[in-house]
Amino acid sequence: MHTTLVTMHDIRHIVKSVGTDALMRQMIHALEVAFRCYDPATTQVPSRSGFSYDEPHVGLLEWMPVLTHGQTATIKMVGYHPHNPEQHELPTILSSIGTYDVRTGQLTAVMDGTFLTALRTGAASGLAAAYLAHPDSQTMGIIGAGAQAITQLHAVATACNLRQVYVYDTDSAAAVSFARRVEFLNLPIQVVRQDQIERLVAESDILCTATSTAVGSPPVFEDTAVKPWLHINAIGSDFPGKTELPEALVRRALVCPDFLEQALVEGECQRLDEDSIGPTLHEIVKSPERYTDYRDALTVFDSTGWALEDSVAAELLLNHARRLGLGQKVHIQHTPVDPLNPYDFA
């Protein structure tokens, strides 16, 4: 009995072999299929849980489980530490993921979840834009130019025909370096100043907020005039009491969460009554004809991170690892010759 260990070096090989564009298209497609086929009777996805703390710095460690009955379970451990980039030169989000055979409890694979999280989070937003954004959307605004913003733009550019991108970050260095980090997309990137955020919002067909704003902070932009068909991918509201969007805008928009139970606690949906919240993204994917008219209206994808997405991403990357002969087979779990004797190491 062995466990397949897929390291960051294996992930790098997968990305280089498959290509970033092809991998993003595959991820969006895999999520679309999974959402269309999702059945809560056979796939159990509880809300994530974990530890939050403020010593030595503000941080969060969470576990995100998903169980496909009779087949596999996937559990992702994710850490959110907004001080990482400047204090430790590490990503804000670090993660690892394990897959289990539910017939035996065997740990079948352990892999990097940091890249996986960025990839699937972006892909979910790309899928949301494909179903909710106006078909002629060409301009995207981004507030928050960190690591998550890269895959957010990549996924939306994969799903939509973008022609112009505006970006703002409270860290001017991050905003300026954004164009270099996404140069593989060959899109014109314009950095805007803080006093130009209103223009960024007003000119956007699609807006992404991907910030690490603190709990209780004011909205990352003021409630201002927007295009009637503006679609917003709200990414950074991932903690109780933490929101990014103006409440008045949220209340007049069709708000579509990724996972309602979780979004009511951690997402933009915290401020809404459950009966005023729109369909989940997987409901839209299942019955797109029911929501076509909303592509001309103000919509918000409230993305808090759904563990089903992690399971789908893990399967995609593990399949590529197997195909490419990547991953080290290691013996992690003790399997004595006599299963009734824990001291039997023979």
Protein backbone atom coordinates (compact mmCIF):
# COMPACT_ATOMS: atom_id res chain seq x y z
CA MET A 1 0.00 0.00 0.00
CA HIS A 2 1.51 3.30 -1.05
CA THR A 3 0.62 6.98 -1.25
CA THR A 4 1.42 9.08 -4.32
CA LEU A 5 3.29 12.24 -3.32
CA VAL A 6 2.89 15.05 -5.88
CA THR A 7 5.27 17.91 -5.08
CA MET A 8 5.60 21.45 -6.36
CA HIS A 9 8.22 20.19 -8.81
CA ASP A 10 5.70 17.73 -10.25
CA ILE A 11 3.10 20.50 -10.52
CA ARG A 12 5.63 22.66 -12.36
CA HIS A 13 6.27 19.80 -14.79
CA ILE A 14 2.52 19.38 -15.35
CA VAL A 15 2.02 23.07 -16.07
CA LYS A 16 4.94 23.18 -18.51
CA SER A 17 3.82 19.99 -20.24
CA VAL A 18 0.15 20.86 -20.57
CA GLY A 19 0.50 24.63 -20.95
CA THR A 20 -1.15 27.29 -18.81
CA ASP A 21 -3.91 28.09 -21.31
CA ALA A 22 -4.81 24.45 -21.94
CA LEU A 23 -4.76 23.68 -18.22
CA MET A 24 -7.08 26.59 -17.44
CA ARG A 25 -9.49 25.51 -20.20
CA GLN A 26 -9.45 21.98 -18.81
CA MET A 27 -10.07 23.25 -15.29
CA ILE A 28 -13.04 25.39 -16.33
CA HIS A 29 -14.50 22.50 -18.31
CA ALA A 30 -13.97 20.03 -15.46
CA LEU A 31 -15.77 22.36 -13.04
CA GLU A 32 -18.60 22.86 -15.50
CA VAL A 33 -19.11 19.11 -15.82
CA ALA A 34 -18.87 18.59 -12.05
CA PHE A 35 -21.38 21.36 -11.32
CA ARG A 36 -23.81 20.02 -13.90
CA CYS A 37 -23.57 16.53 -12.40
CA TYR A 38 -23.48 17.57 -8.74
CA ASP A 39 -25.94 15.59 -6.62
CA PRO A 40 -25.91 16.22 -2.85
CA ALA A 41 -27.31 12.71 -2.36
CA THR A 42 -24.04 11.20 -3.60
CA THR A 43 -21.50 13.96 -2.94
CA GLN A 44 -21.29 15.39 0.57
CA VAL A 45 -19.67 18.82 0.93
CA PRO A 46 -19.85 20.27 4.47
CA SER A 47 -18.84 23.83 5.23
CA ARG A 48 -15.18 24.29 5.96
CA SER A 49 -14.01 24.69 9.52
CA GLY A 50 -10.77 25.60 11.23
CA PHE A 51 -8.82 27.91 13.50
CA SER A 52 -8.50 31.67 13.34
CA TYR A 53 -5.96 33.57 15.42
CA ASP A 54 -4.13 36.87 15.70
CA GLU A 55 -0.79 35.77 17.21
CA PRO A 56 1.88 36.21 16.13
CA HIS A 57 -0.11 37.68 13.21
CA VAL A 58 -3.61 37.43 11.83
CA GLY A 59 -4.04 33.97 10.35
CA LEU A 60 -6.41 31.18 9.50
CA LEU A 61 -6.03 27.42 9.14
CA GLU A 62 -9.01 25.58 7.68
CA TRP A 63 -9.91 22.13 6.45
CA MET A 64 -12.21 21.68 3.45
CA PRO A 65 -13.61 18.16 3.03
CA VAL A 66 -15.67 16.52 0.29
CA LEU A 67 -16.91 12.92 0.14
CA THR A 68 -18.13 11.03 -2.90
CA HIS A 69 -20.05 8.15 -1.36
CA GLY A 70 -18.53 4.77 -2.03
CA GLN A 71 -15.50 6.23 -3.82
CA THR A 72 -13.17 8.89 -2.49
CA ALA A 73 -12.79 11.66 0.05
CA THR A 74 -10.68 14.76 -0.44
CA ILE A 75 -9.53 17.03 2.37
CA LYS A 76 -7.67 20.26 1.77
CA MET A 77 -5.80 22.13 4.49
CA VAL A 78 -5.44 25.79 3.65
CA GLY A 79 -3.68 28.58 5.49
CA TYR A 80 -4.55 32.24 4.97
CA HIS A 81 -1.93 34.66 6.28
CA PRO A 82 -2.12 38.15 4.71
CA HIS A 83 1.27 39.19 6.14
CA ASN A 84 3.12 36.38 4.34
CA PRO A 85 4.26 38.27 1.19
CA GLU A 86 5.99 41.15 2.97
CA GLN A 87 7.15 39.35 6.12
CA HIS A 88 8.07 35.88 4.86
CA GLU A 89 8.17 36.21 1.05
CA LEU A 90 5.48 33.53 0.87
CA PRO A 91 2.05 33.51 -0.78
CA THR A 92 -0.89 34.70 1.29
CA ILE A 93 -2.51 31.31 0.74
CA LEU A 94 -0.59 28.08 1.35
CA SER A 95 -2.27 24.73 1.07
CA SER A 96 -1.92 20.96 0.80
CA ILE A 97 -4.46 18.33 -0.15
CA GLY A 98 -4.98 14.64 0.55
CA THR A 99 -7.19 12.06 -1.16
CA TYR A 100 -8.52 8.93 0.52
CA ASP A 101 -10.06 5.64 -0.55
CA VAL A 102 -13.27 5.48 1.49
CA ARG A 103 -13.41 1.69 1.23
CA THR A 104 -10.31 1.33 3.39
CA GLY A 105 -9.36 4.79 4.66
CA GLN A 106 -6.11 4.59 2.72
CA LEU A 107 -4.37 7.87 1.99
CA THR A 108 -3.99 7.55 -1.78
CA ALA A 109 -2.33 10.88 -2.62
CA VAL A 110 -0.81 13.97 -1.03
CA MET A 111 -0.15 17.01 -3.15
CA ASP A 112 0.53 20.71 -3.21
CA GLY A 113 -2.68 22.69 -2.84
CA THR A 114 -1.35 26.21 -3.25
CA PHE A 115 -1.28 26.16 -7.04
CA LEU A 116 -4.44 24.04 -7.07
CA THR A 117 -6.32 26.65 -5.01
CA ALA A 118 -5.31 29.51 -7.29
CA LEU A 119 -6.18 27.51 -10.41
CA ARG A 120 -9.63 26.34 -9.28
CA THR A 121 -10.56 29.70 -7.75
CA GLY A 122 -9.80 31.44 -11.01
CA ALA A 123 -11.57 28.75 -13.03
CA ALA A 124 -14.75 29.10 -10.93
CA SER A 125 -14.78 32.84 -11.65
CA GLY A 126 -14.20 32.18 -15.33
CA LEU A 127 -17.16 29.80 -15.32
CA ALA A 128 -19.30 32.37 -13.51
CA ALA A 129 -18.38 35.02 -16.07
CA ALA A 130 -19.19 32.65 -18.93
CA TYR A 131 -22.74 32.19 -17.58
CA LEU A 132 -23.48 35.59 -16.00
CA ALA A 133 -21.40 38.29 -17.71
CA HIS A 134 -22.74 40.17 -20.72
CA PRO A 135 -21.75 38.32 -23.92
CA ASP A 136 -20.03 41.43 -25.29
CA SER A 137 -17.93 42.10 -22.19
CA GLN A 138 -14.53 43.45 -23.14
CA THR A 139 -13.27 45.46 -20.15
CA MET A 140 -12.25 43.97 -16.82
CA GLY A 141 -11.38 45.84 -13.67
CA ILE A 142 -9.34 44.23 -10.89
CA ILE A 143 -9.06 45.51 -7.33
CA GLY A 144 -6.30 43.60 -5.58
CA ALA A 145 -3.27 42.59 -7.65
CA GLY A 146 -1.90 39.70 -5.61
CA ALA A 147 -1.45 36.06 -6.56
CA GLN A 148 -5.18 35.33 -6.82
CA ALA A 149 -5.60 38.13 -9.38
CA ILE A 150 -3.39 36.27 -11.87
CA THR A 151 -5.66 33.26 -12.26
CA GLN A 152 -8.75 35.44 -11.96
CA LEU A 153 -7.73 37.39 -15.05
CA HIS A 154 -6.47 34.27 -16.83
CA ALA A 155 -9.76 32.44 -16.33
CA VAL A 156 -11.99 35.36 -17.32
CA ALA A 157 -9.82 36.03 -20.39
CA THR A 158 -10.26 32.36 -21.29
CA ALA A 159 -14.05 32.60 -20.98
CA CYS A 160 -14.58 36.11 -22.41
CA ASN A 161 -13.18 38.24 -25.21
CA LEU A 162 -11.34 40.84 -23.13
CA ARG A 163 -9.75 43.88 -24.73
CA GLN A 164 -8.78 46.09 -21.77
CA VAL A 165 -7.81 45.52 -18.13
CA TYR A 166 -7.65 48.09 -15.33
CA VAL A 167 -5.94 47.19 -12.07
CA TYR A 168 -5.59 48.79 -8.66
CA ASP A 169 -3.86 47.69 -5.47
CA THR A 170 -3.10 49.50 -2.23
CA ASP A 171 0.46 48.23 -2.75
CA SER A 172 1.64 50.22 -5.76
CA ALA A 173 4.52 47.80 -6.36
CA ALA A 174 2.09 44.89 -6.71
CA ALA A 175 -0.06 46.91 -9.11
CA VAL A 176 2.92 47.91 -11.25
CA SER A 177 4.31 44.37 -11.40
CA PHE A 178 0.93 42.92 -12.37
CA ALA A 179 1.45 43.57 -16.09
CA ARG A 180 4.70 41.61 -16.02
CA ARG A 181 3.10 38.72 -14.17
CA VAL A 182 0.30 38.41 -16.74
CA GLU A 183 2.26 39.26 -19.86
CA PHE A 184 1.57 35.72 -21.17
CA LEU A 185 -2.03 36.86 -21.76
CA ASN A 186 -1.01 39.62 -24.18
CA LEU A 187 -3.62 42.04 -22.82
CA PRO A 188 -3.26 45.80 -22.31
CA ILE A 189 -2.98 46.46 -18.57
CA GLN A 190 -3.54 49.93 -17.16
CA VAL A 191 -2.66 50.64 -13.53
CA VAL A 192 -4.94 53.19 -11.88
CA ARG A 193 -4.43 55.35 -8.82
CA GLN A 194 -6.63 55.30 -5.74
CA ASP A 195 -8.45 58.43 -6.93
CA GLN A 196 -9.28 56.60 -10.18
CA ILE A 197 -11.05 53.57 -8.64
CA GLU A 198 -14.45 55.06 -9.46
CA ARG A 199 -13.45 55.19 -13.13
CA LEU A 200 -12.17 51.59 -12.97
CA VAL A 201 -15.52 50.43 -11.61
CA ALA A 202 -17.60 52.56 -13.97
CA GLU A 203 -15.82 51.35 -17.13
CA SER A 204 -15.75 47.66 -16.24
CA ASP A 205 -18.00 45.06 -17.83
CA ILE A 206 -16.53 42.53 -15.40
CA LEU A 207 -15.04 43.44 -12.03
CA CYS A 208 -12.93 41.26 -9.76
CA THR A 209 -12.27 42.06 -6.11
CA ALA A 210 -9.48 39.89 -4.72
CA THR A 211 -8.19 41.71 -1.67
CA SER A 212 -6.95 40.78 1.78
CA THR A 213 -8.84 43.62 3.46
CA ALA A 214 -9.28 43.25 7.20
CA VAL A 215 -12.44 42.22 9.04
CA GLY A 216 -14.74 45.21 9.47
CA SER A 217 -12.97 47.31 6.82
CA PRO A 218 -15.08 49.56 4.57
CA PRO A 219 -15.85 48.47 0.99
CA VAL A 220 -12.90 48.44 -1.38
CA PHE A 221 -14.80 50.86 -3.64
CA GLU A 222 -17.68 53.27 -3.12
CA ASP A 223 -21.18 52.58 -4.37
CA THR A 224 -20.99 54.41 -7.66
CA ALA A 225 -22.46 54.37 -11.16
CA VAL A 226 -21.83 51.08 -12.94
CA LYS A 227 -22.82 49.59 -16.26
CA PRO A 228 -26.29 47.99 -16.01
CA TRP A 229 -24.80 44.59 -16.94
CA LEU A 230 -21.75 44.69 -14.65
CA HIS A 231 -20.73 41.25 -13.41
CA ILE A 232 -18.60 41.06 -10.26
CA ASN A 233 -16.47 38.15 -9.12
CA ALA A 234 -16.14 38.82 -5.37
CA ILE A 235 -13.21 36.67 -4.21
CA GLY A 236 -11.80 38.18 -1.03
CA SER A 237 -14.78 37.84 1.33
CA ASP A 238 -13.64 34.61 2.95
CA PHE A 239 -13.96 35.23 6.68
CA PRO A 240 -16.83 36.15 9.03
CA GLY A 241 -17.13 39.92 9.15
CA LYS A 242 -14.97 40.44 6.07
CA THR A 243 -16.63 41.88 2.97
CA GLU A 244 -15.44 43.84 -0.06
CA LEU A 245 -18.50 45.26 -1.84
CA PRO A 246 -20.79 48.18 -0.92
CA GLU A 247 -23.86 46.80 0.82
CA ALA A 248 -26.28 48.84 -1.29
CA LEU A 249 -24.79 47.37 -4.48
CA VAL A 250 -25.01 43.83 -3.08
CA ARG A 251 -28.66 44.35 -2.19
CA ARG A 252 -29.67 45.45 -5.68
CA ALA A 253 -27.68 42.75 -7.50
CA LEU A 254 -28.43 39.12 -8.23
CA VAL A 255 -25.98 37.48 -5.83
CA CYS A 256 -24.99 33.93 -6.77
CA PRO A 257 -22.85 32.07 -4.21
CA ASP A 258 -20.63 29.11 -4.88
CA PHE A 259 -21.80 27.40 -1.67
CA LEU A 260 -24.77 29.03 0.06
CA GLU A 261 -24.30 27.54 3.53
CA GLN A 262 -20.73 28.84 3.64
CA ALA A 263 -21.40 32.18 1.92
CA LEU A 264 -24.00 33.08 4.55
CA VAL A 265 -21.21 32.95 7.14
CA GLU A 266 -18.15 34.11 5.23
CA GLY A 267 -19.19 35.69 1.94
CA GLU A 268 -20.89 38.83 0.69
CA CYS A 269 -24.11 36.94 1.51
CA GLN A 270 -23.44 37.61 5.21
CA ARG A 271 -25.46 40.80 4.84
CA LEU A 272 -28.43 39.26 3.04
CA ASP A 273 -31.46 37.28 4.05
CA GLU A 274 -31.39 33.81 2.56
CA ASP A 275 -34.58 34.42 0.58
CA SER A 276 -32.99 37.43 -1.17
CA ILE A 277 -29.99 35.44 -2.46
CA GLY A 278 -29.97 34.15 -6.02
CA PRO A 279 -29.18 30.68 -7.32
CA THR A 280 -25.84 29.00 -6.68
CA LEU A 281 -23.42 28.73 -9.57
CA HIS A 282 -24.00 25.00 -9.93
CA GLU A 283 -27.76 25.66 -10.23
CA ILE A 284 -27.08 28.14 -13.03
CA VAL A 285 -24.84 25.67 -14.82
CA LYS A 286 -27.54 22.99 -14.56
CA SER A 287 -30.30 25.24 -15.98
CA PRO A 288 -28.68 28.16 -17.84
CA GLU A 289 -31.82 28.93 -19.86
CA ARG A 290 -33.57 30.07 -16.67
CA TYR A 291 -30.98 32.79 -16.02
CA THR A 292 -30.14 34.14 -19.49
CA ASP A 293 -31.83 37.49 -18.83
CA TYR A 294 -29.48 38.17 -15.94
CA ARG A 295 -26.59 38.61 -18.36
CA ASP A 296 -28.05 42.10 -18.94
CA ALA A 297 -28.29 42.84 -15.21
CA LEU A 298 -26.02 43.51 -12.24
CA THR A 299 -24.72 40.18 -10.92
CA VAL A 300 -22.28 39.10 -8.20
CA PHE A 301 -20.56 35.74 -7.95
CA ASP A 302 -19.93 35.33 -4.23
CA SER A 303 -16.89 33.04 -4.21
CA THR A 304 -15.93 31.68 -0.79
CA GLY A 305 -14.21 28.54 -2.10
CA TRP A 306 -16.15 25.29 -2.46
CA ALA A 307 -14.43 22.04 -1.50
CA LEU A 308 -15.99 20.31 -4.52
CA GLU A 309 -13.75 22.52 -6.65
CA ASP A 310 -10.71 21.23 -4.77
CA SER A 311 -11.73 17.64 -5.44
CA VAL A 312 -12.18 18.32 -9.15
CA ALA A 313 -8.84 20.13 -9.39
CA ALA A 314 -7.03 17.38 -7.49
CA GLU A 315 -8.43 14.75 -9.85
CA LEU A 316 -7.38 16.79 -12.90
CA LEU A 317 -3.81 17.27 -11.65
CA LEU A 318 -3.46 13.67 -10.43
CA ASN A 319 -4.59 12.37 -13.82
CA HIS A 320 -1.90 14.48 -15.48
CA ALA A 321 0.67 13.26 -12.95
CA ARG A 322 -0.16 9.63 -13.74
CA ARG A 323 -0.08 10.24 -17.48
CA LEU A 324 3.33 11.92 -17.24
CA GLY A 325 4.76 9.37 -14.80
CA LEU A 326 5.10 11.97 -12.05
CA GLY A 327 4.69 11.59 -8.31
CA GLN A 328 6.73 9.57 -5.87
CA LYS A 329 5.18 6.46 -4.35
CA VAL A 330 5.86 6.50 -0.61
CA HIS A 331 4.75 4.35 2.31
CA ILE A 332 3.24 6.71 4.88
CA GLN A 333 0.63 4.58 6.61
CA HIS A 334 1.75 1.60 8.69
CA THR A 335 0.52 -1.73 7.27
CA PRO A 336 1.81 -4.59 9.45
CA VAL A 337 1.94 -8.11 8.06
CA ASP A 338 -0.46 -9.04 10.84
CA PRO A 339 -3.16 -6.37 10.74
CA LEU A 340 -4.03 -7.15 14.36
CA ASN A 341 -0.48 -6.44 15.61
CA PRO A 342 0.75 -2.83 15.44
CA TYR A 343 4.30 -3.99 16.42
CA ASP A 344 4.62 -6.29 13.40
CA PHE A 345 7.08 -4.36 11.23
CA ALA A 346 8.49 -7.47 9.56
